[in-house]
């Protein structure tokens, strides 16, 4: 028996590689999260998206609370099972009339997980509409064959090295329109991307990355995660530090070390000709 999703929703996720909308927070609660994001942006004098990637939740108790939200974990459990690790999170933010976009890609290109079966929960801090450049998906592409990417860096591409899936049938794309406080779940291998924000309001989301403990990062040693439900079996994952306060320096160091590992591994893959 499922905890938060219907059997039909679970089947839809399995068939399409994504599922939305899942209501997690009320609009007022989402507005509070966005206010904290804006306060963080003001305090650092830069975009949190640029400084807090891969393990963005780690330096902030309030974001750790988000990734551990029981209602969210109930839905994640329905999709990946009762043992759940949160190995990371990243901000994706576009200001009003921002030319930034995310090229068609799969998360699997950036990962080295075996089996390739991880889950992301993309939480909207404010409305993520078509005009605002919501995430969009190509249904069923997580089932294979693996998507082939070319490397096309662009100053407006929010993906660091610009990996872009070739031959995407954009006529099949589904726009994951979300209200503030809603989530879209997606499989790591589904093809997805997003357009620029042409709206008069910002579009900020937090992409939270969950994994079952039997899945292993194969490209480097030292993978770590937060155990958020169940047991951390198999000893594939070390333990992330817990933030004692916002901007916890120990957690920032761990975040930056992990980000470097993923970026270096991806650059090496691209340099060797890896495209899927």
Protein backbone atom coordinates (compact mmCIF):
# COMPACT_ATOMS: atom_id res chain seq x y z
CA UNK A 1 0.00 0.00 0.00
CA UNK A 2 1.30 3.44 -0.91
CA UNK A 3 1.69 6.26 1.62
CA UNK A 4 1.25 9.51 -0.30
CA UNK A 5 0.71 8.63 -3.96
CA UNK A 6 -1.95 6.56 -5.65
CA UNK A 7 -1.10 3.35 -7.47
CA UNK A 8 -1.97 5.18 -10.70
CA UNK A 9 0.54 7.93 -9.91
CA UNK A 10 3.27 5.38 -9.23
CA UNK A 11 2.52 3.71 -12.58
CA UNK A 12 2.56 7.10 -14.31
CA UNK A 13 6.01 7.84 -12.88
CA UNK A 14 7.23 4.42 -14.03
CA UNK A 15 5.83 4.94 -17.54
CA UNK A 16 6.75 8.59 -18.10
CA UNK A 17 9.84 9.08 -15.92
CA UNK A 18 8.25 12.06 -14.14
CA UNK A 19 5.23 12.91 -12.01
CA UNK A 20 3.54 16.21 -11.11
CA UNK A 21 2.09 18.08 -9.37
CA UNK A 22 2.63 16.92 -5.80
CA UNK A 23 1.50 19.53 -3.30
CA UNK A 24 4.00 19.77 -0.44
CA UNK A 25 3.64 23.30 0.98
CA UNK A 26 0.91 25.90 0.99
CA UNK A 27 1.56 29.10 -1.02
CA UNK A 28 2.25 30.95 2.23
CA UNK A 29 4.78 28.33 3.33
CA UNK A 30 6.44 28.45 -0.08
CA UNK A 31 6.59 32.26 0.20
CA UNK A 32 8.50 31.86 3.47
CA UNK A 33 11.03 29.60 1.76
CA UNK A 34 11.43 32.14 -1.03
CA UNK A 35 11.97 34.91 1.52
CA UNK A 36 14.76 32.87 3.09
CA UNK A 37 16.25 32.37 -0.37
CA UNK A 38 16.14 36.13 -1.03
CA UNK A 39 17.70 36.85 2.37
CA UNK A 40 20.50 34.41 1.55
CA UNK A 41 21.03 36.09 -1.82
CA UNK A 42 21.27 39.49 -0.13
CA UNK A 43 23.66 38.25 2.55
CA UNK A 44 26.15 36.69 0.12
CA UNK A 45 25.78 39.35 -2.59
CA UNK A 46 25.50 36.68 -5.27
CA UNK A 47 23.10 34.12 -6.68
CA UNK A 48 22.74 31.15 -4.31
CA UNK A 49 22.48 29.01 -7.43
CA UNK A 50 26.10 29.81 -8.25
CA UNK A 51 27.48 29.16 -4.78
CA UNK A 52 25.30 26.31 -3.52
CA UNK A 53 25.14 23.33 -5.87
CA UNK A 54 25.21 19.54 -5.56
CA UNK A 55 24.75 19.65 -1.77
CA UNK A 56 23.00 23.02 -1.45
CA UNK A 57 20.94 21.84 1.51
CA UNK A 58 23.94 20.90 3.60
CA UNK A 59 24.96 24.31 5.09
CA UNK A 60 21.41 25.27 6.12
CA UNK A 61 19.23 23.70 8.84
CA UNK A 62 16.08 25.09 7.18
CA UNK A 63 16.89 23.33 3.89
CA UNK A 64 17.74 20.11 5.73
CA UNK A 65 14.25 20.35 7.19
CA UNK A 66 12.84 20.60 3.67
CA UNK A 67 14.60 17.47 2.41
CA UNK A 68 13.43 15.60 5.53
CA UNK A 69 9.79 16.76 5.32
CA UNK A 70 7.76 13.62 6.20
CA UNK A 71 5.05 14.23 3.59
CA UNK A 72 7.72 14.50 0.89
CA UNK A 73 9.49 11.36 2.13
CA UNK A 74 6.20 9.44 2.06
CA UNK A 75 5.96 10.15 -1.68
CA UNK A 76 9.64 9.36 -2.25
CA UNK A 77 9.16 6.06 -0.41
CA UNK A 78 6.31 5.19 -2.74
CA UNK A 79 8.69 5.62 -5.67
CA UNK A 80 12.06 4.22 -4.48
CA UNK A 81 11.34 2.24 -1.32
CA UNK A 82 11.59 2.63 2.46
CA UNK A 83 15.35 3.20 2.76
CA UNK A 84 16.09 6.74 1.57
CA UNK A 85 19.27 8.79 1.36
CA UNK A 86 19.41 12.43 0.30
CA UNK A 87 22.76 12.76 -1.39
CA UNK A 88 22.32 16.32 -2.61
CA UNK A 89 20.32 19.30 -3.80
CA UNK A 90 20.80 22.24 -6.14
CA UNK A 91 19.11 25.60 -6.65
CA UNK A 92 17.86 26.50 -10.12
CA UNK A 93 16.88 30.16 -10.28
CA UNK A 94 15.82 32.55 -13.01
CA UNK A 95 15.12 36.20 -12.40
CA UNK A 96 12.26 37.96 -14.22
CA UNK A 97 12.99 38.14 -17.97
CA UNK A 98 16.15 36.09 -17.41
CA UNK A 99 17.70 34.60 -20.59
CA UNK A 100 19.05 31.65 -18.61
CA UNK A 101 17.88 28.24 -19.77
CA UNK A 102 18.64 24.57 -19.15
CA UNK A 103 19.44 22.58 -22.28
CA UNK A 104 17.83 19.22 -22.97
CA UNK A 105 19.79 16.71 -20.88
CA UNK A 106 19.64 13.73 -18.59
CA UNK A 107 20.96 13.81 -15.04
CA UNK A 108 22.58 10.45 -15.75
CA UNK A 109 25.17 12.23 -17.91
CA UNK A 110 26.35 14.03 -14.77
CA UNK A 111 26.12 10.96 -12.52
CA UNK A 112 27.91 7.65 -12.31
CA UNK A 113 25.28 5.72 -10.40
CA UNK A 114 24.81 1.98 -10.83
CA UNK A 115 22.09 1.10 -11.28
CA UNK A 116 21.01 4.41 -12.84
CA UNK A 117 17.83 4.70 -10.82
CA UNK A 118 17.87 7.83 -8.67
CA UNK A 119 15.06 10.32 -8.06
CA UNK A 120 14.92 14.11 -8.03
CA UNK A 121 12.16 16.16 -6.41
CA UNK A 122 12.02 19.67 -7.94
CA UNK A 123 10.32 22.01 -5.46
CA UNK A 124 8.90 25.33 -6.69
CA UNK A 125 9.51 28.24 -4.31
CA UNK A 126 7.28 30.36 -6.54
CA UNK A 127 5.07 29.75 -9.58
CA UNK A 128 6.82 27.74 -12.29
CA UNK A 129 4.71 28.41 -15.37
CA UNK A 130 5.36 27.96 -19.08
CA UNK A 131 6.04 31.70 -19.37
CA UNK A 132 8.45 31.50 -16.41
CA UNK A 133 10.41 28.63 -17.98
CA UNK A 134 9.12 25.60 -16.08
CA UNK A 135 10.86 22.25 -16.35
CA UNK A 136 9.68 20.22 -19.34
CA UNK A 137 10.08 16.52 -20.03
CA UNK A 138 10.12 14.02 -22.90
CA UNK A 139 7.97 11.14 -21.60
CA UNK A 140 9.41 7.63 -21.49
CA UNK A 141 12.96 8.57 -22.40
CA UNK A 142 14.26 7.13 -19.11
CA UNK A 143 13.59 3.64 -20.46
CA UNK A 144 16.41 3.86 -22.97
CA UNK A 145 18.37 3.70 -25.05
CA UNK A 146 20.59 6.18 -23.17
CA UNK A 147 20.26 9.70 -24.54
CA UNK A 148 23.25 10.93 -26.55
CA UNK A 149 24.59 14.39 -25.68
CA UNK A 150 26.79 16.86 -27.47
CA UNK A 151 28.79 19.47 -25.58
CA UNK A 152 27.50 22.97 -26.40
CA UNK A 153 28.57 25.51 -23.78
CA UNK A 154 26.65 28.78 -23.82
CA UNK A 155 26.78 31.77 -21.50
CA UNK A 156 23.05 31.48 -20.80
CA UNK A 157 23.00 27.72 -20.24
CA UNK A 158 22.61 26.99 -16.52
CA UNK A 159 24.33 23.60 -17.02
CA UNK A 160 28.08 24.15 -16.45
CA UNK A 161 29.56 22.33 -19.46
CA UNK A 162 26.50 22.62 -21.68
CA UNK A 163 25.68 18.96 -22.31
CA UNK A 164 22.72 18.85 -24.70
CA UNK A 165 20.74 15.84 -25.91
CA UNK A 166 20.65 15.51 -29.69
CA UNK A 167 17.57 14.74 -31.81
CA UNK A 168 14.96 15.63 -29.19
CA UNK A 169 11.36 15.38 -30.41
CA UNK A 170 10.20 18.60 -28.78
CA UNK A 171 6.64 18.08 -30.02
CA UNK A 172 6.33 15.40 -27.32
CA UNK A 173 7.46 17.70 -24.50
CA UNK A 174 5.30 18.01 -21.38
CA UNK A 175 5.46 21.24 -19.38
CA UNK A 176 5.58 20.60 -15.64
CA UNK A 177 3.61 23.66 -14.54
CA UNK A 178 3.79 24.05 -10.76
CA UNK A 179 2.27 26.41 -8.26
CA UNK A 180 4.41 27.64 -5.39
CA UNK A 181 4.95 24.77 -2.94
CA UNK A 182 4.40 22.00 -5.50
CA UNK A 183 6.87 19.36 -6.67
CA UNK A 184 7.65 17.45 -9.84
CA UNK A 185 9.45 14.13 -9.37
CA UNK A 186 11.71 12.81 -12.10
CA UNK A 187 13.96 9.86 -12.87
CA UNK A 188 17.61 10.64 -13.51
CA UNK A 189 17.55 9.28 -17.08
CA UNK A 190 14.50 11.14 -18.39
CA UNK A 191 15.29 13.89 -20.92
CA UNK A 192 14.36 17.30 -19.55
CA UNK A 193 15.22 21.00 -19.77
CA UNK A 194 13.71 24.45 -19.38
CA UNK A 195 13.36 27.69 -21.33
CA UNK A 196 14.19 31.26 -20.25
CA UNK A 197 11.95 33.09 -17.78
CA UNK A 198 9.81 35.55 -19.74
CA UNK A 199 7.54 36.29 -16.77
CA UNK A 200 7.52 39.34 -14.52
CA UNK A 201 8.31 37.24 -11.44
CA UNK A 202 11.31 35.09 -10.46
CA UNK A 203 11.29 31.32 -10.86
CA UNK A 204 13.24 29.60 -8.10
CA UNK A 205 13.33 25.87 -7.51
CA UNK A 206 15.26 23.46 -5.33
CA UNK A 207 16.06 20.12 -6.96
CA UNK A 208 16.47 17.50 -4.21
CA UNK A 209 18.27 14.26 -5.03
CA UNK A 210 17.26 10.99 -3.37
CA UNK A 211 18.71 7.52 -3.72
CA UNK A 212 18.15 4.05 -2.29
CA UNK A 213 21.24 2.74 -0.47
CA UNK A 214 21.86 -0.17 -2.88
CA UNK A 215 22.79 2.36 -5.60
CA UNK A 216 26.46 3.26 -5.80
CA UNK A 217 28.43 6.15 -7.29
CA UNK A 218 31.07 4.35 -9.39
CA UNK A 219 33.31 7.18 -10.63
CA UNK A 220 35.00 8.09 -7.36
CA UNK A 221 35.27 7.02 -3.75
CA UNK A 222 33.89 8.95 -0.81
CA UNK A 223 30.22 9.45 -1.73
CA UNK A 224 28.24 10.77 1.23
CA UNK A 225 24.58 11.38 1.99
CA UNK A 226 22.03 12.16 4.69
CA UNK A 227 20.01 9.21 5.88
CA UNK A 228 16.46 10.58 5.91
CA UNK A 229 14.44 7.37 6.32
CA UNK A 230 15.08 3.69 6.99
CA UNK A 231 18.56 2.18 6.97
CA UNK A 232 21.82 2.99 5.19
CA UNK A 233 22.63 -0.52 4.01
CA UNK A 234 25.59 -1.82 1.97
CA UNK A 235 28.12 0.77 3.23
CA UNK A 236 28.22 2.51 -0.15
CA UNK A 237 27.51 5.94 1.36
CA UNK A 238 29.35 7.86 4.06
CA UNK A 239 27.59 10.28 6.36
CA UNK A 240 27.20 13.98 5.62
CA UNK A 241 27.90 16.47 8.43
CA UNK A 242 24.92 18.14 10.07
CA UNK A 243 24.71 21.95 9.94
CA UNK A 244 24.77 23.64 13.34
CA UNK A 245 23.80 27.01 11.89
CA UNK A 246 23.24 28.72 8.55
CA UNK A 247 26.42 28.90 6.47
CA UNK A 248 27.98 26.16 8.61
CA UNK A 249 31.66 26.20 7.51
CA UNK A 250 32.18 22.45 7.90
CA UNK A 251 29.17 21.77 5.73
CA UNK A 252 30.22 24.35 3.14
CA UNK A 253 33.61 22.64 2.86
CA UNK A 254 31.90 19.25 2.38
CA UNK A 255 29.58 20.75 -0.26
CA UNK A 256 32.46 22.30 -2.19
CA UNK A 257 34.51 19.10 -2.06
CA UNK A 258 31.61 17.06 -3.43
CA UNK A 259 30.86 19.60 -6.15
CA UNK A 260 34.48 19.45 -7.30
CA UNK A 261 34.32 15.64 -7.51
CA UNK A 262 31.21 15.71 -9.71
CA UNK A 263 32.41 18.52 -11.96
CA UNK A 264 35.84 16.94 -12.46
CA UNK A 265 34.33 13.53 -13.23
CA UNK A 266 31.93 15.07 -15.77
CA UNK A 267 34.67 17.08 -17.46
CA UNK A 268 36.85 13.99 -17.69
CA UNK A 269 33.95 12.05 -19.19
CA UNK A 270 33.35 14.74 -21.83
CA UNK A 271 37.07 15.03 -22.60
CA UNK A 272 37.26 11.28 -23.24
CA UNK A 273 34.34 11.49 -25.64
CA UNK A 274 31.58 10.27 -23.32
CA UNK A 275 28.22 11.41 -24.61
CA UNK A 276 25.56 9.35 -22.83
